[in-house]
Amino acid sequence: MKTLLDSLQMAEDCLLGHASDEQRLLFEASLLLYPALREDVHWQRKTYHIIRAYGRQRLRHELEAMHRTLFTAPRHRAFRDKVLRIFQQR
């Protein structure tokens, strides 16, 4: 089996869609042969999922903060009124 770093790099390339078809097939075969690699990949997938969820949550909070600022601050009243008029026309 390749070194741990090579295996993790191959896993990352496959999980992120950067691997060629040949690399993906080799990786899938490695998953069948090495249960420890399968477990590492499981945790790597879970880590990616957590990172994406955290990023979405941060973006949602940032958008909510912008919304609050743009729609409640007196200095943005003209902007707020323009936006509301656009949606009232429909």
PDB file of N, CA and C in Angstrom:
ATOM      1  N   MET A   1       0.838  -1.177   0.000  1.00  0.00           N
ATOM      2  CA  MET A   1       0.000   0.000   0.000  1.00  0.00           C
ATOM      3  C   MET A   1       0.884   1.241   0.000  1.00  0.00           C
ATOM      4  N   LYS A   2       0.401   2.294  -0.642  1.00  0.00           N
ATOM      5  CA  LYS A   2       1.161   3.531  -0.688  1.00  0.00           C
ATOM      6  C   LYS A   2       1.276   4.112   0.709  1.00  0.00           C
ATOM      7  N   THR A   3       2.105   5.112   0.811  1.00  0.00           N
ATOM      8  CA  THR A   3       2.223   5.775   2.103  1.00  0.00           C
ATOM      9  C   THR A   3       0.894   6.422   2.466  1.00  0.00           C
ATOM     10  N   LEU A   4       0.742   6.731   3.708  1.00  0.00           N
ATOM     11  CA  LEU A   4      -0.497   7.325   4.192  1.00  0.00           C
ATOM     12  C   LEU A   4      -0.801   8.636   3.482  1.00  0.00           C
ATOM     13  N   LEU A   5       0.210   9.462   3.298  1.00  0.00           N
ATOM     14  CA  LEU A   5       0.007  10.752   2.643  1.00  0.00           C
ATOM     15  C   LEU A   5      -0.476  10.572   1.208  1.00  0.00           C
ATOM     16  N   ASP A   6       0.134   9.629   0.475  1.00  0.00           N
ATOM     17  CA  ASP A   6      -0.300   9.360  -0.898  1.00  0.00           C
ATOM     18  C   ASP A   6      -1.735   8.862  -0.933  1.00  0.00           C
ATOM     19  N   SER A   7      -2.081   7.997   0.006  1.00  0.00           N
ATOM     20  CA  SER A   7      -3.438   7.458   0.060  1.00  0.00           C
ATOM     21  C   SER A   7      -4.451   8.557   0.357  1.00  0.00           C
ATOM     22  N   LEU A   8      -4.110   9.425   1.295  1.00  0.00           N
ATOM     23  CA  LEU A   8      -5.016  10.523   1.631  1.00  0.00           C
ATOM     24  C   LEU A   8      -5.153  11.502   0.469  1.00  0.00           C
ATOM     25  N   GLN A   9      -4.061  11.740  -0.250  1.00  0.00           N
ATOM     26  CA  GLN A   9      -4.122  12.630  -1.412  1.00  0.00           C
ATOM     27  C   GLN A   9      -4.991  12.009  -2.498  1.00  0.00           C
ATOM     28  N   MET A  10      -4.846  10.701  -2.720  1.00  0.00           N
ATOM     29  CA  MET A  10      -5.669  10.018  -3.707  1.00  0.00           C
ATOM     30  C   MET A  10      -7.144  10.084  -3.289  1.00  0.00           C
ATOM     31  N   ALA A  11      -7.406   9.873  -2.002  1.00  0.00           N
ATOM     32  CA  ALA A  11      -8.780   9.941  -1.495  1.00  0.00           C
ATOM     33  C   ALA A  11      -9.353  11.336  -1.718  1.00  0.00           C
ATOM     34  N   GLU A  12      -8.580  12.349  -1.410  1.00  0.00           N
ATOM     35  CA  GLU A  12      -9.045  13.723  -1.581  1.00  0.00           C
ATOM     36  C   GLU A  12      -9.346  14.016  -3.042  1.00  0.00           C
ATOM     37  N   ASP A  13      -8.447  13.611  -3.929  1.00  0.00           N
ATOM     38  CA  ASP A  13      -8.673  13.835  -5.360  1.00  0.00           C
ATOM     39  C   ASP A  13      -9.959  13.164  -5.832  1.00  0.00           C
ATOM     40  N   CYS A  14     -10.190  11.943  -5.378  1.00  0.00           N
ATOM     41  CA  CYS A  14     -11.399  11.220  -5.777  1.00  0.00           C
ATOM     42  C   CYS A  14     -12.644  11.837  -5.172  1.00  0.00           C
ATOM     43  N   LEU A  15     -12.602  12.186  -3.911  1.00  0.00           N
ATOM     44  CA  LEU A  15     -13.768  12.755  -3.247  1.00  0.00           C
ATOM     45  C   LEU A  15     -14.151  14.119  -3.812  1.00  0.00           C
ATOM     46  N   LEU A  16     -13.159  14.874  -4.245  1.00  0.00           N
ATOM     47  CA  LEU A  16     -13.416  16.213  -4.767  1.00  0.00           C
ATOM     48  C   LEU A  16     -13.608  16.234  -6.280  1.00  0.00           C
ATOM     49  N   GLY A  17     -13.516  15.045  -6.901  1.00  0.00           N
ATOM     50  CA  GLY A  17     -13.741  14.946  -8.339  1.00  0.00           C
ATOM     51  C   GLY A  17     -12.576  15.388  -9.197  1.00  0.00           C
ATOM     52  N   HIS A  18     -11.370  15.359  -8.645  1.00  0.00           N
ATOM     53  CA  HIS A  18     -10.184  15.791  -9.394  1.00  0.00           C
ATOM     54  C   HIS A  18      -9.418  14.616  -9.991  1.00  0.00           C
ATOM     55  N   ALA A  19      -9.826  13.404  -9.709  1.00  0.00           N
ATOM     56  CA  ALA A  19      -9.085  12.219 -10.153  1.00  0.00           C
ATOM     57  C   ALA A  19      -9.539  11.794 -11.547  1.00  0.00           C
ATOM     58  N   SER A  20      -8.615  11.194 -12.274  1.00  0.00           N
ATOM     59  CA  SER A  20      -8.956  10.636 -13.585  1.00  0.00           C
ATOM     60  C   SER A  20      -9.729   9.330 -13.374  1.00  0.00           C
ATOM     61  N   ASP A  21     -10.287   8.802 -14.448  1.00  0.00           N
ATOM     62  CA  ASP A  21     -11.025   7.539 -14.349  1.00  0.00           C
ATOM     63  C   ASP A  21     -10.124   6.415 -13.845  1.00  0.00           C
ATOM     64  N   GLU A  22      -8.885   6.386 -14.329  1.00  0.00           N
ATOM     65  CA  GLU A  22      -7.952   5.343 -13.908  1.00  0.00           C
ATOM     66  C   GLU A  22      -7.633   5.464 -12.420  1.00  0.00           C
ATOM     67  N   GLN A  23      -7.397   6.678 -11.976  1.00  0.00           N
ATOM     68  CA  GLN A  23      -7.099   6.896 -10.555  1.00  0.00           C
ATOM     69  C   GLN A  23      -8.289   6.502  -9.686  1.00  0.00           C
ATOM     70  N   ARG A  24      -9.488   6.836 -10.160  1.00  0.00           N
ATOM     71  CA  ARG A  24     -10.685   6.494  -9.403  1.00  0.00           C
ATOM     72  C   ARG A  24     -10.860   4.979  -9.287  1.00  0.00           C
ATOM     73  N   LEU A  25     -10.608   4.264 -10.373  1.00  0.00           N
ATOM     74  CA  LEU A  25     -10.715   2.805 -10.334  1.00  0.00           C
ATOM     75  C   LEU A  25      -9.677   2.201  -9.388  1.00  0.00           C
ATOM     76  N   LEU A  26      -8.460   2.707  -9.450  1.00  0.00           N
ATOM     77  CA  LEU A  26      -7.410   2.232  -8.552  1.00  0.00           C
ATOM     78  C   LEU A  26      -7.788   2.512  -7.096  1.00  0.00           C
ATOM     79  N   PHE A  27      -8.344   3.675  -6.857  1.00  0.00           N
ATOM     80  CA  PHE A  27      -8.759   4.036  -5.508  1.00  0.00           C
ATOM     81  C   PHE A  27      -9.877   3.120  -5.015  1.00  0.00           C
ATOM     82  N   GLU A  28     -10.868   2.856  -5.856  1.00  0.00           N
ATOM     83  CA  GLU A  28     -11.964   1.965  -5.475  1.00  0.00           C
ATOM     84  C   GLU A  28     -11.454   0.566  -5.157  1.00  0.00           C
ATOM     85  N   ALA A  29     -10.472   0.101  -5.933  1.00  0.00           N
ATOM     86  CA  ALA A  29      -9.875  -1.205  -5.644  1.00  0.00           C
ATOM     87  C   ALA A  29      -9.146  -1.170  -4.303  1.00  0.00           C
ATOM     88  N   SER A  30      -8.445  -0.085  -4.031  1.00  0.00           N
ATOM     89  CA  SER A  30      -7.743   0.059  -2.754  1.00  0.00           C
ATOM     90  C   SER A  30      -8.721   0.041  -1.586  1.00  0.00           C
ATOM     91  N   LEU A  31      -9.887   0.656  -1.778  1.00  0.00           N
ATOM     92  CA  LEU A  31     -10.902   0.646  -0.720  1.00  0.00           C
ATOM     93  C   LEU A  31     -11.369  -0.774  -0.414  1.00  0.00           C
ATOM     94  N   LEU A  32     -11.465  -1.584  -1.442  1.00  0.00           N
ATOM     95  CA  LEU A  32     -11.877  -2.978  -1.242  1.00  0.00           C
ATOM     96  C   LEU A  32     -10.796  -3.790  -0.524  1.00  0.00           C
ATOM     97  N   LEU A  33      -9.541  -3.475  -0.802  1.00  0.00           N
ATOM     98  CA  LEU A  33      -8.427  -4.259  -0.253  1.00  0.00           C
ATOM     99  C   LEU A  33      -8.001  -3.832   1.144  1.00  0.00           C
ATOM    100  N   TYR A  34      -8.203  -2.562   1.476  1.00  0.00           N
ATOM    101  CA  TYR A  34      -7.668  -2.036   2.731  1.00  0.00           C
ATOM    102  C   TYR A  34      -8.778  -1.413   3.583  1.00  0.00           C
ATOM    103  N   PRO A  35      -9.273  -2.160   4.562  1.00  0.00           N
ATOM    104  CA  PRO A  35     -10.338  -1.636   5.428  1.00  0.00           C
ATOM    105  C   PRO A  35      -9.932  -0.358   6.172  1.00  0.00           C
ATOM    106  N   ALA A  36      -8.676  -0.225   6.531  1.00  0.00           N
ATOM    107  CA  ALA A  36      -8.225   0.975   7.242  1.00  0.00           C
ATOM    108  C   ALA A  36      -8.374   2.206   6.343  1.00  0.00           C
ATOM    109  N   LEU A  37      -8.092   2.048   5.073  1.00  0.00           N
ATOM    110  CA  LEU A  37      -8.262   3.152   4.126  1.00  0.00           C
ATOM    111  C   LEU A  37      -9.738   3.510   4.009  1.00  0.00           C
ATOM    112  N   ARG A  38     -10.583   2.501   3.997  1.00  0.00           N
ATOM    113  CA  ARG A  38     -12.026   2.726   3.927  1.00  0.00           C
ATOM    114  C   ARG A  38     -12.502   3.573   5.119  1.00  0.00           C
ATOM    115  N   GLU A  39     -11.977   3.257   6.292  1.00  0.00           N
ATOM    116  CA  GLU A  39     -12.345   4.034   7.482  1.00  0.00           C
ATOM    117  C   GLU A  39     -11.812   5.463   7.396  1.00  0.00           C
ATOM    118  N   ASP A  40     -10.570   5.611   6.934  1.00  0.00           N
ATOM    119  CA  ASP A  40     -10.009   6.960   6.764  1.00  0.00           C
ATOM    120  C   ASP A  40     -10.861   7.797   5.812  1.00  0.00           C
ATOM    121  N   VAL A  41     -11.300   7.172   4.722  1.00  0.00           N
ATOM    122  CA  VAL A  41     -12.114   7.882   3.734  1.00  0.00           C
ATOM    123  C   VAL A  41     -13.469   8.247   4.333  1.00  0.00           C
ATOM    124  N   HIS A  42     -14.024   7.373   5.134  1.00  0.00           N
ATOM    125  CA  HIS A  42     -15.284   7.671   5.810  1.00  0.00           C
ATOM    126  C   HIS A  42     -15.143   8.951   6.631  1.00  0.00           C
ATOM    127  N   TRP A  43     -14.074   9.044   7.406  1.00  0.00           N
ATOM    128  CA  TRP A  43     -13.877  10.223   8.261  1.00  0.00           C
ATOM    129  C   TRP A  43     -13.540  11.460   7.436  1.00  0.00           C
ATOM    130  N   GLN A  44     -12.857  11.249   6.329  1.00  0.00           N
ATOM    131  CA  GLN A  44     -12.551  12.378   5.454  1.00  0.00           C
ATOM    132  C   GLN A  44     -13.850  12.931   4.846  1.00  0.00           C
ATOM    133  N   ARG A  45     -14.755  12.045   4.420  1.00  0.00           N
ATOM    134  CA  ARG A  45     -16.061  12.485   3.902  1.00  0.00           C
ATOM    135  C   ARG A  45     -16.840  13.244   4.971  1.00  0.00           C
ATOM    136  N   LYS A  46     -16.831  12.709   6.181  1.00  0.00           N
ATOM    137  CA  LYS A  46     -17.542  13.363   7.277  1.00  0.00           C
ATOM    138  C   LYS A  46     -16.969  14.757   7.543  1.00  0.00           C
ATOM    139  N   THR A  47     -15.652  14.860   7.493  1.00  0.00           N
ATOM    140  CA  THR A  47     -14.990  16.148   7.693  1.00  0.00           C
ATOM    141  C   THR A  47     -15.409  17.145   6.623  1.00  0.00           C
ATOM    142  N   TYR A  48     -15.428  16.712   5.354  1.00  0.00           N
ATOM    143  CA  TYR A  48     -15.861  17.599   4.271  1.00  0.00           C
ATOM    144  C   TYR A  48     -17.306  18.050   4.495  1.00  0.00           C
ATOM    145  N   HIS A  49     -18.144  17.142   4.931  1.00  0.00           N
ATOM    146  CA  HIS A  49     -19.545  17.475   5.185  1.00  0.00           C
ATOM    147  C   HIS A  49     -19.656  18.546   6.281  1.00  0.00           C
ATOM    148  N   ILE A  50     -18.905  18.378   7.340  1.00  0.00           N
ATOM    149  CA  ILE A  50     -18.935  19.346   8.453  1.00  0.00           C
ATOM    150  C   ILE A  50     -18.425  20.706   7.993  1.00  0.00           C
ATOM    151  N   ILE A  51     -17.363  20.711   7.208  1.00  0.00           N
ATOM    152  CA  ILE A  51     -16.796  21.972   6.713  1.00  0.00           C
ATOM    153  C   ILE A  51     -17.796  22.691   5.818  1.00  0.00           C
ATOM    154  N   ARG A  52     -18.451  21.949   4.913  1.00  0.00           N
ATOM    155  CA  ARG A  52     -19.458  22.568   4.040  1.00  0.00           C
ATOM    156  C   ARG A  52     -20.627  23.119   4.859  1.00  0.00           C
ATOM    157  N   ALA A  53     -21.079  22.353   5.845  1.00  0.00           N
ATOM    158  CA  ALA A  53     -22.195  22.809   6.683  1.00  0.00           C
ATOM    159  C   ALA A  53     -21.813  24.075   7.444  1.00  0.00           C
ATOM    160  N   TYR A  54     -20.600  24.110   7.969  1.00  0.00           N
ATOM    161  CA  TYR A  54     -20.137  25.294   8.692  1.00  0.00           C
ATOM    162  C   TYR A  54     -20.072  26.502   7.758  1.00  0.00           C
ATOM    163  N   GLY A  55     -19.566  26.292   6.551  1.00  0.00           N
ATOM    164  CA  GLY A  55     -19.480  27.380   5.579  1.00  0.00           C
ATOM    165  C   GLY A  55     -20.846  27.915   5.212  1.00  0.00           C
ATOM    166  N   ARG A  56     -21.819  27.014   5.008  1.00  0.00           N
ATOM    167  CA  ARG A  56     -23.182  27.451   4.704  1.00  0.00           C
ATOM    168  C   ARG A  56     -23.775  28.241   5.859  1.00  0.00           C
ATOM    169  N   GLN A  57     -23.524  27.774   7.073  1.00  0.00           N
ATOM    170  CA  GLN A  57     -24.064  28.461   8.253  1.00  0.00           C
ATOM    171  C   GLN A  57     -23.472  29.864   8.370  1.00  0.00           C
ATOM    172  N   ARG A  58     -22.170  29.991   8.161  1.00  0.00           N
ATOM    173  CA  ARG A  58     -21.536  31.320   8.222  1.00  0.00           C
ATOM    174  C   ARG A  58     -22.089  32.242   7.148  1.00  0.00           C
ATOM    175  N   LEU A  59     -22.245  31.714   5.940  1.00  0.00           N
ATOM    176  CA  LEU A  59     -22.783  32.523   4.848  1.00  0.00           C
ATOM    177  C   LEU A  59     -24.207  32.972   5.169  1.00  0.00           C
ATOM    178  N   ARG A  60     -25.010  32.074   5.721  1.00  0.00           N
ATOM    179  CA  ARG A  60     -26.383  32.420   6.095  1.00  0.00           C
ATOM    180  C   ARG A  60     -26.391  33.552   7.125  1.00  0.00           C
ATOM    181  N   HIS A  61     -25.502  33.462   8.121  1.00  0.00           N
ATOM    182  CA  HIS A  61     -25.428  34.512   9.138  1.00  0.00           C
ATOM    183  C   HIS A  61     -24.988  35.852   8.533  1.00  0.00           C
ATOM    184  N   GLU A  62     -24.028  35.794   7.620  1.00  0.00           N
ATOM    185  CA  GLU A  62     -23.569  37.026   6.968  1.00  0.00           C
ATOM    186  C   GLU A  62     -24.689  37.654   6.140  1.00  0.00           C
ATOM    187  N   LEU A  63     -25.435  36.817   5.416  1.00  0.00           N
ATOM    188  CA  LEU A  63     -26.541  37.341   4.616  1.00  0.00           C
ATOM    189  C   LEU A  63     -27.634  37.928   5.496  1.00  0.00           C
ATOM    190  N   GLU A  64     -27.921  37.272   6.608  1.00  0.00           N
ATOM    191  CA  GLU A  64     -28.918  37.812   7.525  1.00  0.00           C
ATOM    192  C   GLU A  64     -28.471  39.155   8.105  1.00  0.00           C
ATOM    193  N   ALA A  65     -27.182  39.280   8.415  1.00  0.00           N
ATOM    194  CA  ALA A  65     -26.662  40.546   8.943  1.00  0.00           C
ATOM    195  C   ALA A  65     -26.769  41.649   7.889  1.00  0.00           C
ATOM    196  N   MET A  66     -26.449  41.327   6.634  1.00  0.00           N
ATOM    197  CA  MET A  66     -26.579  42.315   5.563  1.00  0.00           C
ATOM    198  C   MET A  66     -28.037  42.722   5.388  1.00  0.00           C
ATOM    199  N   HIS A  67     -28.916  41.746   5.427  1.00  0.00           N
ATOM    200  CA  HIS A  67     -30.342  42.030   5.288  1.00  0.00           C
ATOM    201  C   HIS A  67     -30.816  42.970   6.395  1.00  0.00           C
ATOM    202  N   ARG A  68     -30.420  42.667   7.628  1.00  0.00           N
ATOM    203  CA  ARG A  68     -30.806  43.528   8.748  1.00  0.00           C
ATOM    204  C   ARG A  68     -30.282  44.945   8.544  1.00  0.00           C
ATOM    205  N   THR A  69     -29.044  45.066   8.130  1.00  0.00           N
ATOM    206  CA  THR A  69     -28.443  46.383   7.931  1.00  0.00           C
ATOM    207  C   THR A  69     -29.151  47.144   6.817  1.00  0.00           C
ATOM    208  N   LEU A  70     -29.358  46.474   5.683  1.00  0.00           N
ATOM    209  CA  LEU A  70     -29.939  47.165   4.529  1.00  0.00           C
ATOM    210  C   LEU A  70     -31.416  47.504   4.713  1.00  0.00           C
ATOM    211  N   PHE A  71     -32.116  46.729   5.501  1.00  0.00           N
ATOM    212  CA  PHE A  71     -33.551  46.953   5.607  1.00  0.00           C
ATOM    213  C   PHE A  71     -33.984  47.620   6.918  1.00  0.00           C
ATOM    214  N   THR A  72     -33.033  47.899   7.798  1.00  0.00           N
ATOM    215  CA  THR A  72     -33.430  48.568   9.044  1.00  0.00           C
ATOM    216  C   THR A  72     -32.680  49.877   9.280  1.00  0.00           C
ATOM    217  N   ALA A  73     -31.491  50.022   8.716  1.00  0.00           N
ATOM    218  CA  ALA A  73     -30.717  51.242   8.943  1.00  0.00           C
ATOM    219  C   ALA A  73     -31.356  52.417   8.197  1.00  0.00           C
ATOM    220  N   PRO A  74     -31.535  53.533   8.874  1.00  0.00           N
ATOM    221  CA  PRO A  74     -32.158  54.699   8.228  1.00  0.00           C
ATOM    222  C   PRO A  74     -31.400  55.180   6.993  1.00  0.00           C
ATOM    223  N   ARG A  75     -30.109  55.052   6.997  1.00  0.00           N
ATOM    224  CA  ARG A  75     -29.339  55.559   5.853  1.00  0.00           C
ATOM    225  C   ARG A  75     -29.563  54.739   4.581  1.00  0.00           C
ATOM    226  N   HIS A  76     -30.138  53.540   4.697  1.00  0.00           N
ATOM    227  CA  HIS A  76     -30.395  52.684   3.533  1.00  0.00           C
ATOM    228  C   HIS A  76     -31.876  52.672   3.149  1.00  0.00           C
ATOM    229  N   ARG A  77     -32.615  53.650   3.640  1.00  0.00           N
ATOM    230  CA  ARG A  77     -34.055  53.663   3.395  1.00  0.00           C
ATOM    231  C   ARG A  77     -34.385  53.746   1.905  1.00  0.00           C
ATOM    232  N   ALA A  78     -33.667  54.557   1.156  1.00  0.00           N
ATOM    233  CA  ALA A  78     -33.931  54.691  -0.284  1.00  0.00           C
ATOM    234  C   ALA A  78     -33.734  53.356  -0.992  1.00  0.00           C
ATOM    235  N   PHE A  79     -32.682  52.659  -0.634  1.00  0.00           N
ATOM    236  CA  PHE A  79     -32.427  51.338  -1.223  1.00  0.00           C
ATOM    237  C   PHE A  79     -33.558  50.378  -0.880  1.00  0.00           C
ATOM    238  N   ARG A  80     -33.936  50.356   0.402  1.00  0.00           N
ATOM    239  CA  ARG A  80     -35.009  49.467   0.856  1.00  0.00           C
ATOM    240  C   ARG A  80     -36.299  49.766   0.093  1.00  0.00           C
ATOM    241  N   ASP A  81     -36.619  51.026  -0.068  1.00  0.00           N
ATOM    242  CA  ASP A  81     -37.838  51.402  -0.776  1.00  0.00           C
ATOM    243  C   ASP A  81     -37.809  50.960  -2.239  1.00  0.00           C
ATOM    244  N   LYS A  82     -36.639  51.083  -2.887  1.00  0.00           N
ATOM    245  CA  LYS A  82     -36.511  50.636  -4.280  1.00  0.00           C
ATOM    246  C   LYS A  82     -36.757  49.135  -4.392  1.00  0.00           C
ATOM    247  N   VAL A  83     -36.154  48.390  -3.502  1.00  0.00           N
ATOM    248  CA  VAL A  83     -36.314  46.932  -3.528  1.00  0.00           C
ATOM    249  C   VAL A  83     -37.772  46.553  -3.289  1.00  0.00           C
ATOM    250  N   LEU A  84     -38.394  47.172  -2.321  1.00  0.00           N
ATOM    251  CA  LEU A  84     -39.797  46.868  -2.027  1.00  0.00           C
ATOM    252  C   LEU A  84     -40.706  47.221  -3.203  1.00  0.00           C
ATOM    253  N   ARG A  85     -40.410  48.324  -3.900  1.00  0.00           N
ATOM    254  CA  ARG A  85     -41.211  48.695  -5.068  1.00  0.00           C
ATOM    255  C   ARG A  85     -41.068  47.654  -6.193  1.00  0.00           C
ATOM    256  N   ILE A  86     -39.877  47.138  -6.364  1.00  0.00           N
ATOM    257  CA  ILE A  86     -39.668  46.117  -7.399  1.00  0.00           C
ATOM    258  C   ILE A  86     -40.567  44.909  -7.139  1.00  0.00           C
ATOM    259  N   PHE A  87     -40.660  44.493  -5.895  1.00  0.00           N
ATOM    260  CA  PHE A  87     -41.436  43.303  -5.594  1.00  0.00           C
ATOM    261  C   PHE A  87     -42.933  43.592  -5.474  1.00  0.00           C
ATOM    262  N   GLN A  88     -43.298  44.830  -5.262  1.00  0.00           N
ATOM    263  CA  GLN A  88     -44.715  45.169  -5.212  1.00  0.00           C
ATOM    264  C   GLN A  88     -45.301  45.248  -6.616  1.00  0.00           C
ATOM    265  N   GLN A  89     -44.488  45.483  -7.613  1.00  0.00           N
ATOM    266  CA  GLN A  89     -44.944  45.600  -9.000  1.00  0.00           C
ATOM    267  C   GLN A  89     -45.379  44.256  -9.561  1.00  0.00           C
ATOM    268  N   ARG A  90     -44.951  43.199  -9.000  1.00  0.00           N
ATOM    269  CA  ARG A  90     -45.260  41.875  -9.557  1.00  0.00           C
ATOM    270  C   ARG A  90     -46.611  41.441  -9.209  1.00  0.00           C
TER     271      ARG A  90
END
